Amino acid sequence: MSFSIKSALAPMVKPGLRDVHLAVFLFGFSGLFGKFLLCSPVLIVFGRTVFASLFLLPFFLRIRRDNTVPMVMFLAQGALLALHWCTFFISIQISTVAIGLLTFSTFPLFVTFMEPFFFKETLAFKNCVISLVVFVGLVLVIPSFDFSREPVQGAMWGVASGFTFALLGLVNRKNVISVSPIAVSFYQNFFAALFLLPWTVWFVPGISFPTPGELMLLMLLGGVCTALAHSLFIKALVHIKTRTAGVITALEPLYGILMAMIFLGEIPGWRTALGGVIIIGATLVAMTGRD
């Protein structure tokens, strides 16, 4: 029997698995930009969505669009996306990448209890147990309950990020079933930028035009960590099951925390690490148990 490294690694380099792992890695890496960029989270998200829209535009123009969803729905989704990313970057800026990513990852808890309301579905007992486990992990991730401390405030913003992401996912499921994923991604980023434009120009004090270095980072965030990552994720779904992609997506905090350890020297404490293991583990169980 012949053996080679190439044949041993073949399952790991299948196009679908390779693409989805790279996409999830980029999603996790995007959290570090909350530390790389010292500007307002509103400006970070505005730049991210502008550059993502520009990178997605050529692909958007090439696809056929049989759009039955009113534009007002995409406007609402864009506003939710903007709120999700703003709360996400606020969380990371005032706490750590680990706290921001892990508290955001509690979104399955919100999905569990909101999905039956949105779609007239039965609330499964198993999902309630998983949500309870996620809540235990969240309690461990939060270093204390002194809300005057920035890590605790960051955790609360992270939970808000998870809530808005869950709401966005439910709205997507309800309204864009027949719309191309590329079109959905473009519309959401475009309308998110449009939603943030007034706040960027008029309403948020202290916002100044980004420096050339910040512009390069925003271009990298929008073009690579957003547009390219979404494109890779969508491409991967041609080769692998949606459930498999969902399981790998649960690894986003792990990738982000590892990158934060390498590039920022952020080492999670034992409570954060244990809470993260519980949250990621419960999310993996929830994903693998879906129909």
Protein backbone atom coordinates (compact mmCIF):
# COMPACT_ATOMS: atom_id res chain seq x y z
CA MET A 1 0.00 0.00 0.00
CA SER A 2 1.50 3.29 -1.06
CA PHE A 3 1.29 6.36 1.15
CA SER A 4 2.02 9.98 0.44
CA ILE A 5 1.62 13.24 2.31
CA LYS A 6 -0.43 14.56 -0.60
CA SER A 7 -2.97 11.72 -0.36
CA ALA A 8 -3.14 12.06 3.43
CA LEU A 9 -3.88 15.77 3.21
CA ALA A 10 -6.27 15.46 0.24
CA PRO A 11 -9.47 15.61 2.36
CA MET A 12 -8.20 18.83 3.98
CA VAL A 13 -7.50 20.62 0.70
CA LYS A 14 -10.78 19.87 -1.05
CA PRO A 15 -11.83 23.12 -2.76
CA GLY A 16 -14.96 23.55 -0.68
CA LEU A 17 -13.30 22.93 2.68
CA ARG A 18 -10.28 25.02 1.76
CA ASP A 19 -12.44 27.93 0.67
CA VAL A 20 -14.75 27.88 3.69
CA HIS A 21 -11.85 27.62 6.16
CA LEU A 22 -10.11 30.54 4.47
CA ALA A 23 -13.35 32.55 4.51
CA VAL A 24 -13.94 31.86 8.21
CA PHE A 25 -10.30 32.69 8.97
CA LEU A 26 -10.78 36.06 7.24
CA PHE A 27 -14.03 36.65 9.14
CA GLY A 28 -12.19 36.02 12.40
CA PHE A 29 -9.20 38.12 11.36
CA SER A 30 -11.48 41.08 10.65
CA GLY A 31 -11.95 41.48 14.42
CA LEU A 32 -8.31 42.55 14.75
CA PHE A 33 -9.03 45.68 12.72
CA GLY A 34 -10.84 47.02 15.78
CA LYS A 35 -7.38 47.23 17.34
CA PHE A 36 -5.38 48.08 14.20
CA LEU A 37 -7.62 51.08 13.49
CA LEU A 38 -7.89 53.77 16.16
CA CYS A 39 -10.72 55.65 14.41
CA SER A 40 -14.41 55.55 15.33
CA PRO A 41 -16.22 52.20 14.89
CA VAL A 42 -18.76 54.07 12.73
CA LEU A 43 -15.97 55.14 10.36
CA ILE A 44 -14.49 51.62 10.36
CA VAL A 45 -17.82 50.07 9.35
CA PHE A 46 -18.53 52.81 6.82
CA GLY A 47 -15.16 52.22 5.16
CA ARG A 48 -15.61 48.46 5.31
CA THR A 49 -19.01 48.54 3.61
CA VAL A 50 -17.95 51.09 0.98
CA PHE A 51 -14.92 49.06 -0.10
CA ALA A 52 -16.84 45.77 0.10
CA SER A 53 -19.54 47.25 -2.17
CA LEU A 54 -16.93 48.44 -4.66
CA PHE A 55 -15.23 45.03 -4.76
CA LEU A 56 -18.56 43.20 -5.14
CA LEU A 57 -19.95 45.57 -7.78
CA PRO A 58 -18.36 43.86 -10.87
CA PHE A 59 -19.73 40.47 -9.79
CA PHE A 60 -23.11 41.99 -8.97
CA LEU A 61 -23.36 43.52 -12.45
CA ARG A 62 -22.63 40.17 -14.11
CA ILE A 63 -25.34 38.11 -12.41
CA ARG A 64 -28.95 37.82 -13.45
CA ARG A 65 -31.22 39.45 -10.89
CA ASP A 66 -34.81 38.25 -10.61
CA ASN A 67 -35.49 40.34 -7.56
CA THR A 68 -38.87 39.84 -5.91
CA VAL A 69 -37.80 41.36 -2.60
CA PRO A 70 -38.69 45.04 -2.07
CA MET A 71 -35.67 47.32 -1.83
CA VAL A 72 -36.94 48.56 1.53
CA MET A 73 -36.15 45.09 2.91
CA PHE A 74 -32.56 45.32 1.70
CA LEU A 75 -32.39 48.78 3.26
CA ALA A 76 -33.53 47.29 6.58
CA GLN A 77 -30.95 44.49 6.25
CA GLY A 78 -28.24 47.04 5.50
CA ALA A 79 -29.17 48.98 8.64
CA LEU A 80 -29.02 45.76 10.70
CA LEU A 81 -25.64 44.88 9.19
CA ALA A 82 -24.32 48.35 10.04
CA LEU A 83 -25.57 48.07 13.63
CA HIS A 84 -24.10 44.57 13.96
CA TRP A 85 -20.63 45.62 12.80
CA CYS A 86 -20.65 48.89 14.78
CA THR A 87 -21.49 47.10 18.03
CA PHE A 88 -18.94 44.41 17.16
CA PHE A 89 -16.07 46.88 16.73
CA ILE A 90 -17.11 48.91 19.80
CA SER A 91 -16.92 45.67 21.79
CA ILE A 92 -13.42 44.89 20.55
CA GLN A 93 -12.10 48.43 20.96
CA ILE A 94 -13.10 48.73 24.60
CA SER A 95 -12.29 45.13 25.61
CA THR A 96 -10.37 42.43 23.73
CA VAL A 97 -10.68 40.52 20.47
CA ALA A 98 -11.47 37.35 22.44
CA ILE A 99 -14.31 38.96 24.42
CA GLY A 100 -15.74 40.63 21.30
CA LEU A 101 -15.70 37.45 19.19
CA LEU A 102 -16.96 35.11 21.91
CA THR A 103 -19.81 37.31 23.10
CA PHE A 104 -20.85 37.87 19.47
CA SER A 105 -20.86 34.07 19.08
CA THR A 106 -23.82 33.85 21.45
CA PHE A 107 -26.10 34.68 18.51
CA PRO A 108 -27.46 31.07 18.38
CA LEU A 109 -29.03 31.75 21.77
CA PHE A 110 -31.10 34.57 20.27
CA VAL A 111 -31.88 32.58 17.12
CA THR A 112 -33.21 29.72 19.23
CA PHE A 113 -35.87 31.84 20.90
CA MET A 114 -36.68 34.22 18.02
CA GLU A 115 -36.92 31.65 15.21
CA PRO A 116 -40.18 30.04 16.45
CA PHE A 117 -41.74 33.52 16.64
CA PHE A 118 -40.62 34.45 13.11
CA PHE A 119 -41.54 31.16 11.41
CA LYS A 120 -44.28 29.65 13.61
CA GLU A 121 -41.98 26.75 14.51
CA THR A 122 -41.87 24.67 17.69
CA LEU A 123 -39.25 25.57 20.27
CA ALA A 124 -37.24 22.33 20.63
CA PHE A 125 -36.18 21.27 24.13
CA LYS A 126 -32.68 20.39 22.87
CA ASN A 127 -32.20 23.95 21.59
CA CYS A 128 -33.26 25.33 24.96
CA VAL A 129 -30.60 23.18 26.67
CA ILE A 130 -27.95 24.32 24.17
CA SER A 131 -28.94 27.95 24.75
CA LEU A 132 -28.58 27.44 28.51
CA VAL A 133 -25.09 26.04 27.95
CA VAL A 134 -24.21 29.05 25.75
CA PHE A 135 -25.45 31.34 28.53
CA VAL A 136 -23.17 29.57 31.04
CA GLY A 137 -20.26 30.13 28.65
CA LEU A 138 -21.21 33.80 28.35
CA VAL A 139 -21.21 34.21 32.14
CA LEU A 140 -17.68 32.78 32.23
CA VAL A 141 -16.45 35.03 29.40
CA ILE A 142 -17.61 38.17 31.22
CA PRO A 143 -14.82 38.87 33.74
CA SER A 144 -17.18 40.40 36.33
CA PHE A 145 -20.53 42.14 36.58
CA ASP A 146 -19.14 45.55 37.44
CA PHE A 147 -20.62 47.50 34.53
CA SER A 148 -18.24 50.39 35.11
CA ARG A 149 -15.37 48.22 33.82
CA GLU A 150 -14.56 48.37 30.11
CA PRO A 151 -14.26 44.56 29.59
CA VAL A 152 -17.80 44.14 30.92
CA GLN A 153 -19.08 46.97 28.74
CA GLY A 154 -17.28 45.36 25.79
CA ALA A 155 -19.00 42.06 26.53
CA MET A 156 -22.40 43.76 26.56
CA TRP A 157 -21.68 45.39 23.20
CA GLY A 158 -20.62 41.96 21.94
CA VAL A 159 -23.94 40.48 23.05
CA ALA A 160 -25.71 43.33 21.24
CA SER A 161 -23.66 42.43 18.16
CA GLY A 162 -24.79 38.82 18.46
CA PHE A 163 -28.43 39.90 18.83
CA THR A 164 -28.35 42.11 15.70
CA PHE A 165 -26.57 39.35 13.75
CA ALA A 166 -29.24 36.83 14.77
CA LEU A 167 -31.96 39.26 13.73
CA LEU A 168 -30.23 39.86 10.39
CA GLY A 169 -29.99 36.12 9.77
CA LEU A 170 -33.68 35.62 10.48
CA VAL A 171 -34.66 38.51 8.20
CA ASN A 172 -32.43 37.04 5.48
CA ARG A 173 -34.08 33.65 5.81
CA LYS A 174 -37.54 35.18 5.61
CA ASN A 175 -37.05 37.54 2.69
CA VAL A 176 -34.18 36.58 0.38
CA ILE A 177 -34.67 32.89 -0.28
CA SER A 178 -34.74 33.33 -4.08
CA VAL A 179 -32.12 36.08 -4.40
CA SER A 180 -28.50 35.45 -5.42
CA PRO A 181 -26.13 35.48 -2.42
CA ILE A 182 -23.82 37.87 -4.31
CA ALA A 183 -26.74 40.26 -4.79
CA VAL A 184 -27.69 39.97 -1.11
CA SER A 185 -24.12 40.70 -0.02
CA PHE A 186 -23.83 43.68 -2.36
CA TYR A 187 -27.20 45.17 -1.38
CA GLN A 188 -26.54 44.76 2.33
CA ASN A 189 -23.08 46.35 2.19
CA PHE A 190 -24.29 49.15 -0.10
CA PHE A 191 -27.28 50.02 2.08
CA ALA A 192 -25.20 49.68 5.25
CA ALA A 193 -22.81 52.31 3.84
CA LEU A 194 -25.78 54.46 2.85
CA PHE A 195 -27.28 54.09 6.34
CA LEU A 196 -24.00 55.15 7.99
CA LEU A 197 -23.26 58.06 5.66
CA PRO A 198 -25.20 60.72 7.63
CA TRP A 199 -23.62 59.61 10.93
CA THR A 200 -20.18 59.63 9.36
CA VAL A 201 -20.55 63.10 7.85
CA TRP A 202 -22.71 64.99 10.33
CA PHE A 203 -23.74 63.25 13.53
CA VAL A 204 -20.69 61.61 15.13
CA PRO A 205 -18.36 64.12 16.84
CA GLY A 206 -14.63 63.79 16.38
CA ILE A 207 -14.75 61.85 13.09
CA SER A 208 -12.04 62.99 10.71
CA PHE A 209 -11.03 61.78 7.26
CA PRO A 210 -8.89 58.62 7.57
CA THR A 211 -5.15 58.81 6.97
CA PRO A 212 -3.58 57.01 3.97
CA GLY A 213 -2.56 54.17 6.28
CA GLU A 214 -6.10 53.86 7.65
CA LEU A 215 -7.49 53.90 4.12
CA MET A 216 -5.25 50.97 3.19
CA LEU A 217 -6.42 49.04 6.24
CA LEU A 218 -10.07 49.82 5.46
CA MET A 219 -9.54 48.67 1.87
CA LEU A 220 -8.04 45.42 3.17
CA LEU A 221 -10.92 44.99 5.62
CA GLY A 222 -13.59 45.68 3.01
CA GLY A 223 -11.97 43.99 0.02
CA VAL A 224 -10.31 40.92 1.53
CA CYS A 225 -11.95 40.26 4.90
CA THR A 226 -15.45 41.07 3.66
CA ALA A 227 -15.97 40.85 -0.13
CA LEU A 228 -13.42 38.08 -0.77
CA ALA A 229 -14.42 36.18 2.37
CA HIS A 230 -18.12 36.25 1.43
CA SER A 231 -17.30 35.19 -2.15
CA LEU A 232 -15.19 32.25 -0.93
CA PHE A 233 -17.90 31.20 1.50
CA ILE A 234 -20.56 31.27 -1.23
CA LYS A 235 -18.25 29.40 -3.63
CA ALA A 236 -17.64 26.73 -0.99
CA LEU A 237 -21.35 25.93 -0.78
CA VAL A 238 -21.15 24.52 -4.32
CA HIS A 239 -18.86 21.75 -3.04
CA ILE A 240 -19.91 21.13 0.57
CA LYS A 241 -23.14 20.96 2.55
CA THR A 242 -24.52 24.06 4.23
CA ARG A 243 -24.42 22.21 7.57
CA THR A 244 -20.69 21.53 7.15
CA ALA A 245 -20.05 25.18 6.34
CA GLY A 246 -22.07 26.19 9.39
CA VAL A 247 -20.00 23.94 11.66
CA ILE A 248 -16.75 25.43 10.34
CA THR A 249 -18.17 28.95 10.81
CA ALA A 250 -18.36 28.22 14.54
CA LEU A 251 -14.55 28.22 14.51
CA GLU A 252 -14.44 31.95 13.67
CA PRO A 253 -13.70 33.01 17.29
CA LEU A 254 -10.89 30.44 17.51
CA TYR A 255 -9.18 31.80 14.41
CA GLY A 256 -9.60 35.39 15.60
CA ILE A 257 -8.28 34.67 19.10
CA LEU A 258 -5.23 32.85 17.70
CA MET A 259 -4.46 35.80 15.41
CA ALA A 260 -4.92 38.23 18.31
CA MET A 261 -2.43 36.20 20.34
CA ILE A 262 0.10 36.37 17.48
CA PHE A 263 -0.34 39.97 16.32
CA LEU A 264 -1.57 41.73 19.47
CA GLY A 265 -0.21 39.62 22.29
CA GLU A 266 -3.73 39.23 23.77
CA ILE A 267 -3.74 36.06 25.88
CA PRO A 268 -7.23 35.15 27.16
CA GLY A 269 -7.61 34.45 30.87
CA TRP A 270 -8.78 31.04 32.06
CA ARG A 271 -12.40 32.17 32.48
CA THR A 272 -12.52 33.58 28.95
CA ALA A 273 -10.84 30.46 27.55
CA LEU A 274 -13.21 28.09 29.37
CA GLY A 275 -16.26 30.15 28.43
CA GLY A 276 -15.06 30.20 24.83
CA VAL A 277 -14.71 26.40 24.75
CA ILE A 278 -18.26 26.07 26.10
CA ILE A 279 -19.75 28.57 23.63
CA ILE A 280 -17.93 27.14 20.59
CA GLY A 281 -18.72 23.56 21.68
CA ALA A 282 -22.42 24.32 22.14
CA THR A 283 -22.53 26.10 18.77
CA LEU A 284 -20.93 23.09 17.08
CA VAL A 285 -23.51 20.78 18.67
CA ALA A 286 -26.32 23.07 17.52
CA MET A 287 -24.98 23.21 13.96
CA THR A 288 -24.41 19.46 13.62
CA GLY A 289 -27.87 18.76 14.99
CA ARG A 290 -29.75 20.83 12.41
CA ASP A 291 -31.95 19.19 9.81
